[in-house]
Every structure is written in structure tokens, then in C-alpha cells.
Protein backbone atom coordinates (compact mmCIF):
# COMPACT_ATOMS: atom_id res chain seq x y z
CA MET A 1 -105.07 33.33 26.88
CA VAL A 2 -102.45 36.24 28.67
CA LEU A 3 -100.52 38.83 27.29
CA ARG A 4 -97.28 38.51 29.53
CA ARG A 5 -95.17 41.69 30.22
CA THR A 6 -91.61 40.78 28.50
CA GLN A 7 -87.73 42.11 29.36
CA ASN A 8 -88.46 45.44 26.90
CA ASN A 9 -91.68 46.55 27.99
CA GLN A 10 -93.27 44.39 24.94
CA TRP A 11 -95.57 41.74 25.70
CA LYS A 12 -95.85 37.70 24.60
CA LEU A 13 -98.50 35.72 24.71
CA ILE A 14 -99.31 32.75 27.07
CA TYR A 15 -102.00 30.46 27.39
CA LYS A 16 -103.10 26.99 28.92
CA ILE A 17 -105.12 24.64 27.04
CA ASP A 18 -107.26 22.27 28.90
CA GLN A 19 -108.22 18.45 27.78
CA ARG A 20 -110.82 17.38 29.73
CA TRP A 21 -111.75 13.42 28.03
CA VAL A 22 -108.74 11.33 29.27
CA LYS A 23 -107.83 7.91 30.15
CA ASN A 24 -108.96 6.87 33.39
CA ASN A 25 -110.29 10.32 33.78
CA ARG A 26 -112.83 8.87 36.83
CA ASP A 27 -114.55 12.55 37.71
CA PRO A 28 -114.33 13.93 33.95
CA GLU A 29 -116.53 17.44 35.08
CA ASN A 30 -114.04 18.06 37.28
CA ILE A 31 -111.10 17.11 36.76
CA VAL A 32 -109.28 18.56 34.11
CA PHE A 33 -105.48 18.15 32.45
CA GLY A 34 -103.91 22.07 31.20
CA THR A 35 -100.84 22.36 29.17
CA ALA A 36 -99.47 25.67 29.03
CA LEU A 37 -97.55 27.19 26.45
CA GLN A 38 -95.95 30.47 25.06
CA GLU A 39 -94.36 32.23 21.77
CA HIS A 40 -91.62 31.09 20.13
CA ASP A 41 -88.73 33.24 18.32
CA ARG A 42 -88.72 30.22 15.55
CA PHE A 43 -92.20 30.63 13.40
CA VAL A 44 -92.20 26.49 12.91
CA TYR A 45 -93.07 25.86 16.30
CA ASP A 46 -95.00 29.58 17.16
CA ASP A 47 -98.66 27.77 17.47
CA THR A 48 -99.41 31.36 19.09
CA ALA A 49 -98.77 33.12 15.83
CA PHE A 50 -101.24 30.51 14.64
CA LEU A 51 -103.87 30.77 17.08
CA LEU A 52 -104.12 34.39 17.44
CA SER A 53 -104.61 34.49 12.98
CA MET A 54 -107.63 32.11 13.64
CA ALA A 55 -109.07 34.03 17.12
CA ILE A 56 -108.71 37.53 14.74
CA THR A 57 -110.69 35.58 11.39
CA ASP A 58 -113.53 34.31 14.10
CA ARG A 59 -114.10 37.14 15.70
CA ALA A 60 -113.56 35.49 18.59
CA LEU A 61 -111.67 37.64 21.55
CA PHE A 62 -113.11 40.38 22.57
CA GLY A 63 -112.31 44.00 22.07
CA PHE A 64 -109.79 42.91 18.86
CA ASP A 65 -111.44 43.08 15.55
CA THR A 66 -108.28 42.43 13.42
CA LEU A 67 -104.08 42.42 14.16
CA ALA A 68 -103.43 45.83 13.93
CA ASP A 69 -105.82 46.11 17.25
CA LEU A 70 -103.66 43.76 18.54
CA GLN A 71 -100.73 45.27 17.93
CA THR A 72 -101.71 48.64 19.82
CA GLN A 73 -102.46 46.55 22.96
CA ARG A 74 -100.66 47.54 25.81
CA ILE A 75 -99.55 46.04 29.44
CA PRO A 76 -100.88 49.11 31.94
CA ASP A 77 -97.97 50.84 34.11
CA GLY A 78 -97.58 48.59 37.23
CA GLU A 79 -98.76 45.28 35.92
CA ASN A 80 -98.07 42.19 34.22
CA GLN A 81 -100.38 41.18 32.43
CA VAL A 82 -103.43 41.51 30.28
CA VAL A 83 -105.38 38.65 30.74
CA LEU A 84 -108.04 38.11 27.41
CA ARG A 85 -111.42 36.50 27.11
CA TRP A 86 -112.98 34.94 24.78
CA ARG A 87 -116.34 36.67 23.22
CA ASP A 88 -119.63 34.74 24.10
CA SER A 89 -120.26 33.98 20.71
CA ALA A 90 -117.53 31.99 20.93
CA LEU A 91 -117.21 30.15 23.20
CA GLU A 92 -118.60 27.04 22.22
CA LYS A 93 -116.98 27.21 18.70
CA PRO A 94 -114.42 24.71 17.89
CA ILE A 95 -111.47 26.01 16.66
CA LEU A 96 -110.83 23.00 14.22
CA ARG A 97 -113.69 23.17 12.50
CA LYS A 98 -115.13 20.72 9.33
CA CYS A 99 -114.61 22.34 5.96
CA THR A 100 -116.91 21.61 2.89
CA LYS A 101 -116.34 22.39 -1.07
CA ALA A 102 -119.46 24.06 -0.65
CA GLY A 103 -120.13 25.66 2.56
CA GLY A 104 -116.68 26.67 3.69
CA VAL A 105 -115.76 26.53 6.95
CA THR A 106 -118.71 25.38 9.26
CA ASP A 107 -119.16 25.40 12.94
CA GLU A 108 -119.04 21.57 13.26
CA PHE A 109 -116.38 19.66 14.71
CA MET A 110 -113.15 18.88 12.43
CA PRO A 111 -113.80 14.89 11.96
CA GLN A 112 -111.34 12.77 13.32
CA ARG A 113 -110.74 10.99 10.14
CA ALA A 114 -110.03 14.65 8.47
CA PHE A 115 -107.78 15.71 11.12
CA GLU A 116 -105.75 11.77 10.73
CA ALA A 117 -105.80 12.05 7.04
CA ILE A 118 -104.02 15.71 7.13
CA PHE A 119 -101.58 14.22 9.36
CA ARG A 120 -100.47 11.37 7.00
CA ASN A 121 -100.51 14.01 4.17
CA THR A 122 -98.23 15.68 5.93
CA LEU A 123 -96.25 13.26 7.24
CA ARG A 124 -96.21 11.91 3.78
CA ASN A 125 -95.17 15.37 2.07
CA ALA A 126 -92.24 15.41 4.55
CA GLY A 127 -90.88 12.05 3.81
CA TYR A 128 -91.90 9.72 6.02
CA ALA A 129 -93.23 6.49 5.87
CA SER A 130 -96.93 6.53 6.88
CA CYS A 131 -96.25 2.61 7.92
CA GLY A 132 -94.13 3.82 11.53
CA ALA A 133 -94.53 7.55 12.36
CA SER A 134 -97.56 8.13 14.11
CA VAL A 135 -99.09 10.44 17.05
CA HIS A 136 -98.42 7.15 19.22
CA SER A 137 -95.03 7.18 18.06
CA ILE A 138 -94.22 11.05 19.00
CA ARG A 139 -96.07 10.86 22.08
CA ARG A 140 -93.75 8.26 23.13
CA GLN A 141 -90.55 10.46 21.96
CA LEU A 142 -91.96 13.10 24.09
CA GLY A 143 -92.49 10.40 26.86
CA LYS A 144 -89.07 9.83 26.97
CA LYS A 145 -87.21 13.44 26.78
CA VAL A 146 -89.92 14.34 29.69
CA ASP A 147 -88.83 11.50 31.59
CA GLU A 148 -85.39 12.94 31.38
CA LEU A 149 -86.36 15.66 33.33
CA TYR A 150 -89.82 15.30 35.52
CA THR A 151 -91.25 12.86 37.80
CA GLU A 152 -93.72 9.86 37.32
CA VAL A 153 -96.66 12.78 38.29
CA GLN A 154 -95.68 15.45 35.71
CA ARG A 155 -95.30 13.26 33.11
CA SER A 156 -98.52 11.85 33.27
CA GLN A 157 -100.26 15.43 33.16
CA GLN A 158 -98.34 16.45 30.48
CA LEU A 159 -99.57 13.41 28.44
CA THR A 160 -102.98 13.69 30.00
CA GLN A 161 -103.12 10.56 31.63
CA ALA A 162 -104.94 10.56 34.85
CA ASP A 163 -103.49 7.28 35.99
CA PRO A 164 -99.51 6.93 35.97
CA ARG A 165 -99.71 3.69 35.37
CA ILE A 166 -101.57 3.99 31.86
CA PHE A 167 -97.87 5.88 30.55
CA GLY A 168 -96.19 2.74 31.54
CA GLN A 169 -98.55 0.21 29.77
CA SER A 170 -99.03 2.72 26.70
CA TYR A 171 -96.79 4.93 26.03
CA VAL A 172 -92.76 3.53 27.16
CA ALA A 173 -90.27 4.38 24.57
CA ASN A 174 -90.36 1.11 22.32
CA THR A 175 -86.60 0.83 22.54
CA SER A 176 -85.08 0.63 25.80
CA SER A 177 -83.29 3.74 26.80
CA VAL A 178 -80.53 1.57 28.61
CA ASP A 179 -76.53 1.74 26.87
CA GLY A 180 -76.78 -1.95 28.23
CA GLN A 181 -73.01 -2.54 26.26
CA GLY A 182 -71.68 0.79 27.77
CA ALA A 183 -72.93 -0.48 30.90
CA PHE A 184 -71.53 -3.83 30.97
CA LEU A 185 -68.30 -2.33 30.28
CA GLY A 186 -68.52 0.02 32.36
CA GLU A 187 -67.44 2.80 29.78
CA ALA A 188 -68.97 5.87 29.37
CA THR A 189 -72.84 5.99 28.23
CA GLU A 190 -73.97 7.00 24.43
CA HIS A 191 -77.72 7.42 23.52
CA ASP A 192 -77.11 9.02 20.06
CA HIS A 193 -77.89 5.41 18.78
CA ILE A 194 -80.91 4.75 20.58
CA ASP A 195 -82.65 7.85 20.04
CA TYR A 196 -82.30 6.88 16.25
CA PHE A 197 -84.03 3.75 17.22
CA GLN A 198 -87.14 5.48 19.38
CA SER A 199 -87.44 8.69 16.74
CA LEU A 200 -89.32 9.18 14.03
CA GLU A 201 -85.88 9.48 12.11
CA ARG A 202 -85.80 5.82 11.46
CA TYR A 203 -88.92 6.45 9.79
CA TYR A 204 -87.94 9.47 6.89
CA GLU A 205 -86.93 8.80 3.69
CA PRO A 206 -86.17 11.31 1.28
CA GLY A 207 -88.09 11.39 -1.64
CA LEU A 208 -90.55 9.34 -1.02
CA PRO A 209 -93.38 9.15 -3.27
CA CYS A 210 -96.56 10.21 -1.68
CA GLU A 211 -99.41 9.20 -5.05
CA LEU A 212 -99.89 6.06 -6.61
CA PRO A 213 -98.02 5.81 -10.20
CA ILE A 214 -101.19 6.43 -12.59
CA GLN A 215 -100.61 2.72 -14.46
CA LEU A 216 -101.05 1.28 -11.15
CA GLU A 217 -103.80 3.29 -10.15
CA GLN A 218 -105.68 2.14 -13.68
CA ARG A 219 -105.30 -1.77 -12.22
CA LEU A 220 -106.98 -0.79 -9.28
CA LYS A 221 -110.64 -0.09 -11.42
CA HIS A 222 -110.51 -3.75 -12.13
CA ASP A 223 -110.68 -4.90 -8.52
CA PRO A 224 -113.89 -7.33 -8.83
CA LYS A 225 -115.45 -6.12 -5.69
CA LEU A 226 -115.19 -2.66 -6.63
CA LEU A 227 -116.48 -3.21 -9.77
CA VAL A 228 -119.99 -5.25 -7.95
CA LEU A 229 -119.92 -2.04 -5.74
CA LYS A 230 -119.80 0.42 -9.05
CA ALA A 231 -122.82 -1.38 -10.43
CA GLU A 232 -124.62 -1.28 -7.55
CA ALA A 233 -124.19 2.36 -7.20
CA GLN A 234 -125.35 2.84 -10.61
CA ARG A 235 -128.39 1.06 -10.16
CA SER A 236 -129.21 2.54 -7.03
CA GLU A 237 -129.98 5.68 -5.89
CA LEU A 238 -129.27 5.47 -2.27
CA LYS A 239 -126.39 7.49 -1.32
CA LYS A 240 -125.22 4.98 1.05
CA ASP A 241 -124.12 2.56 -1.70
CA LYS A 242 -122.34 5.81 -3.53
CA GLN A 243 -120.68 6.31 0.13
CA GLN A 244 -120.05 2.66 0.31
CA LEU A 245 -118.21 2.71 -2.95
CA ASN A 246 -115.96 5.73 -2.24
CA SER A 247 -115.17 4.27 0.57
CA TYR A 248 -113.72 0.98 -0.83
CA TRP A 249 -111.71 3.06 -3.48
CA GLN A 250 -110.35 5.18 -0.66
CA SER A 251 -109.34 2.10 1.43
CA LEU A 252 -107.77 0.42 -1.91
CA LYS A 253 -105.55 3.41 -2.95
CA ARG A 254 -104.31 3.54 0.50
CA THR A 255 -103.73 0.02 0.90
CA ALA A 256 -102.20 0.38 -2.88
CA LEU A 257 -100.05 3.45 -1.74
CA ARG A 258 -98.75 1.74 1.32
CA GLN A 259 -97.38 -1.16 -0.59
CA PHE A 260 -95.63 0.89 -3.31
CA GLN A 261 -94.24 3.19 -0.60
CA GLN A 262 -93.14 -0.19 1.11
CA GLN A 263 -91.43 -1.52 -1.93
CA TRP A 264 -89.95 1.79 -2.97
CA VAL A 265 -88.24 2.03 0.06
CA LYS A 266 -86.95 -1.87 0.01
CA GLU A 267 -85.26 -1.07 -3.94
CA ARG A 268 -83.94 2.43 -2.60
CA ARG A 269 -81.98 1.04 0.13
CA ASP A 270 -80.70 -2.28 -2.29
CA TRP A 271 -79.70 0.63 -4.75
CA LYS A 272 -78.08 2.98 -2.13
CA VAL A 273 -75.81 -0.77 -1.30
CA ILE A 274 -75.55 -1.65 -4.65
CA THR A 275 -74.15 1.50 -5.67
CA ARG A 276 -71.63 2.20 -2.46
CA GLY A 277 -73.58 5.44 -1.79
CA SER A 278 -72.10 7.13 -4.58
CA GLY A 279 -75.15 7.11 -7.24
CA GLN A 280 -76.84 10.20 -7.87
CA SER A 281 -80.81 10.13 -7.10
CA SER A 282 -82.96 11.38 -9.28
CA ASP A 283 -86.19 11.32 -7.34
CA SER A 284 -88.91 14.12 -8.32
CA CYS A 285 -89.12 17.50 -7.73
CA ARG A 286 -92.21 18.18 -5.19
CA THR A 287 -91.26 22.08 -5.46
CA ASP A 288 -92.63 22.86 -9.10
CA LEU A 289 -96.23 22.57 -7.70
CA ALA A 290 -95.67 24.85 -4.39
CA SER A 291 -93.34 26.96 -6.88
CA SER A 292 -96.59 27.57 -9.48
CA LEU A 293 -99.30 28.03 -6.42
CA SER A 294 -96.64 30.56 -5.01
CA LEU A 295 -97.22 32.65 -8.07
CA LEU A 296 -101.05 32.71 -7.07
CA PHE A 297 -100.46 32.79 -3.08
CA PRO A 298 -97.38 35.07 -1.98
CA GLU A 299 -98.94 34.64 1.28
CA ARG A 300 -97.79 30.69 1.06
CA TYR A 301 -94.14 31.11 -0.14
CA ARG A 302 -93.29 34.22 2.33
CA LEU A 303 -94.89 31.79 5.31
CA ALA A 304 -93.47 29.01 3.86
CA GLN A 305 -89.74 30.48 3.79
CA ARG A 306 -90.33 31.35 7.16
CA ILE A 307 -90.94 27.73 8.28
CA THR A 308 -88.26 26.35 6.69
CA SER A 309 -86.01 28.55 7.25
CA GLY A 310 -85.33 27.88 10.64
CA ASN A 311 -84.31 31.34 11.82
CA THR A 312 -85.87 33.47 14.61
CA VAL A 313 -88.35 35.67 13.66
CA ASN A 314 -88.23 39.11 15.37
CA SER A 315 -91.27 40.80 16.12
CA GLU A 316 -91.99 42.60 13.40
CA GLU A 317 -91.52 39.55 10.98
CA ARG A 318 -93.90 37.96 13.23
CA TRP A 319 -96.54 40.23 12.75
CA LEU A 320 -95.93 40.25 9.12
CA ALA A 321 -95.89 36.44 9.15
CA MET A 322 -99.45 36.53 11.12
CA GLU A 323 -101.10 39.00 8.93
CA ASP A 324 -100.17 36.72 5.09
CA LEU A 325 -102.28 33.84 7.57
CA HIS A 326 -105.35 35.79 8.08
CA THR A 327 -105.11 36.67 4.60
CA LEU A 328 -105.06 33.36 3.86
CA CYS A 329 -107.63 32.85 6.02
CA THR A 330 -110.31 35.58 4.52
CA ARG A 331 -109.51 36.06 1.52
CA ASP A 332 -111.85 34.90 -1.59
CA PHE A 333 -110.33 32.07 -3.22
CA SER A 334 -113.28 31.44 -5.71
CA VAL A 335 -111.49 32.94 -8.60
CA LEU A 336 -107.92 33.47 -9.00
CA TYR A 337 -105.88 36.73 -10.10
CA LEU A 338 -102.32 36.76 -10.23
CA PRO A 339 -100.83 39.48 -7.92
CA GLY A 340 -101.53 42.78 -9.04
CA HIS A 341 -104.62 41.61 -11.24
CA HIS A 342 -106.94 42.15 -8.46
CA PRO A 343 -110.43 43.36 -9.44
CA VAL A 344 -110.23 47.56 -8.33
CA HIS A 345 -113.98 47.63 -6.84
CA GLY A 346 -115.18 45.14 -8.22
CA ASN A 347 -113.91 46.18 -12.11
CA CYS A 348 -111.08 45.01 -14.03
CA PRO A 349 -108.04 46.60 -12.94
CA VAL A 350 -107.06 47.31 -16.56
CA LYS A 351 -107.83 51.12 -17.22
CA CYS A 352 -109.29 50.72 -21.10
CA CYS A 353 -111.83 47.16 -19.98
CA GLN A 354 -113.17 48.76 -16.46
CA THR A 355 -115.51 45.16 -16.96
CA ASP A 356 -117.65 44.71 -14.17
CA LEU A 357 -116.27 41.71 -12.53
CA THR A 358 -119.12 41.22 -10.06
CA GLN A 359 -121.62 39.82 -11.77
């Protein structure tokens, strides 16, 4: 991580992330593939703000204990950068770590299944059908964009492939990038229609349900295999039997949700045709819970506004957003209080009460 001087005598953060374990890497101890990134003016794409907030929370950066410390950092006259270093205690600590309800954030790696669950839920909440949108499809689209600007070798570096041939076998877009009709007729080529079929846009369905209706979930509880596993788990005290029961139940729900979404998409598209596009959808609003949460977590509300606005943020707004990120990472949420109702020195904030709330 490096602080790099900008034209207005300020600095921006640039960093490089290395990936060692890649396909067909014949010498993983000596060959790594790195990607260089930097700050972005649109907060939704500014991953450096999130990275710095996590680093300060973990006290991982040498010489910086708070975001205020970082704000005071300047680049010496006559130089163009300040190279940051990790504290020795943070060198072997993963950035994305496992979190449990009982113990909170641990020092273990985040399990792959947890990352995949977060990814799927994020896509579903955004209205993308999980049957098509995936990390693989995102890499396909990235590969297409990179192909327009860089060589085959450079593309293989960006997509972390030691062997350039892997891209052609695994990550080439599954829809041709050629406007064959325009080429055959000798006309100016167009690619808007091709971009649609190569992008995630075709999977986007506004209002896509993220949860099973309660009546469908109740029916799943009568699944024959589930009843057998439940009976075995009740008779047994073995942890593996309970885990097997929970795993099968989650699998049942995922499969049922996918089928329900596919049927929902089919009916929604049919409805648009039947109404000739003049009907008004009555999709349930997903912002009710978010609005309620914003009362308890005003930081979430402010961050959501910045992320969804699409506007560029100035330096001051960026630091305020990072303060909100840091607060969400460090605040004790074992008890939730409305703004202004937090204990004062461990006591009730009401003057006539002053009850000790730490007990």
C-alpha cells in the first residue's frame, strides 16, 4: 500500500494485491500475479476506503491507530510517495475472516461457502437471478473488456492465469463478440445487442423475490428424507447428525427458492406481454427493513446514500464515509440503542434515572 502524491498536493492510496495460487502455475513459490488498484471518485467502486477502514480497525498499519492519524499524514517535500507497511502482528492475518455469533470476528480464514453465500445473497437482493449470474460470468465480461485494450499475455495476468491458453478454454465469452450480420452486409457494426447477451443485464429482474413464501417453506417440512433425518437427529446426540439435518434443510430451501424464482420470472414476463406493458407491477417494497435499520444504524443509511447515489465524492465526504465504516466495524451491537439514547459512562442517559446499564 502506497500513498501517492496528487496534483493538489494531497495523496491518494494505490495498492497491489498478489494472487499466488492460480491455475497452471508451475512454480507457486516464486511466481505471483499482482493487480494494481487505486482510489475511485465514486464511493461504490472505492474499495480502498473499505480496505483502509478494515486496516485501521485491526490496527494493522504501522504508525496509524486511528483514521485521524491517517488524515494527518503528509508526503515529504521533494518526494512523491510514502510506502506503508503492515505491523508484524498482521502479516499472517487474513483480511476476510470467519465470524461467528458467539465469538465475533476470529483470526481464521472466511470459509469459501460463506463468501459464496454472501455473493449469492447480494445478487438476489439486487434483483439478479442466481441461476445465471456468477463470479465466472463476471470474469467472462471482464475478459471481453480487457481484450479490447490489451494483449493476450496482459489479459492472462489480469485474470490470474499462468497459461494464456486457459482463458480461451474457460473464460471466453459464451456469446460471440462478432456482429456477423453487419460484417456480411458491409454495414457499420453495432455491439449493443451483443453486449446485452454477454453481460449480467439479462439476468436482472426488478422485484425478484429473495425468500420463499411461508406456505411453500411449510410444505418443505413434510419432505420424507427431512423427516427421517430429523428423527435420527432427535434420537442421536452426535453433532454430525444435526449438521447433516441442517445441511439437507438448507439445500431443500435453496432448490425450492431457485424453482420459485424461475416460475416467478416466467409469470412476470408473461404478464408484461399480456398487459402489453401497460400494467403497473405490485412488487413488495424491500426498503421497509432498511428504513427501520437506518434508525438504529444511521451509519448504514448514510453509507447506502453514498453508494447508491452514483455521484462522485470529495475528500471530506470520503473521510466521513470511512468514519461510518469504522464505527460499524467497532461498535458493540450486543444491545441496540436509538441515536441519542446510548448510555453515558455506562449509565442511563435520562437524568432522573442514571441506572447502571453495565450489569
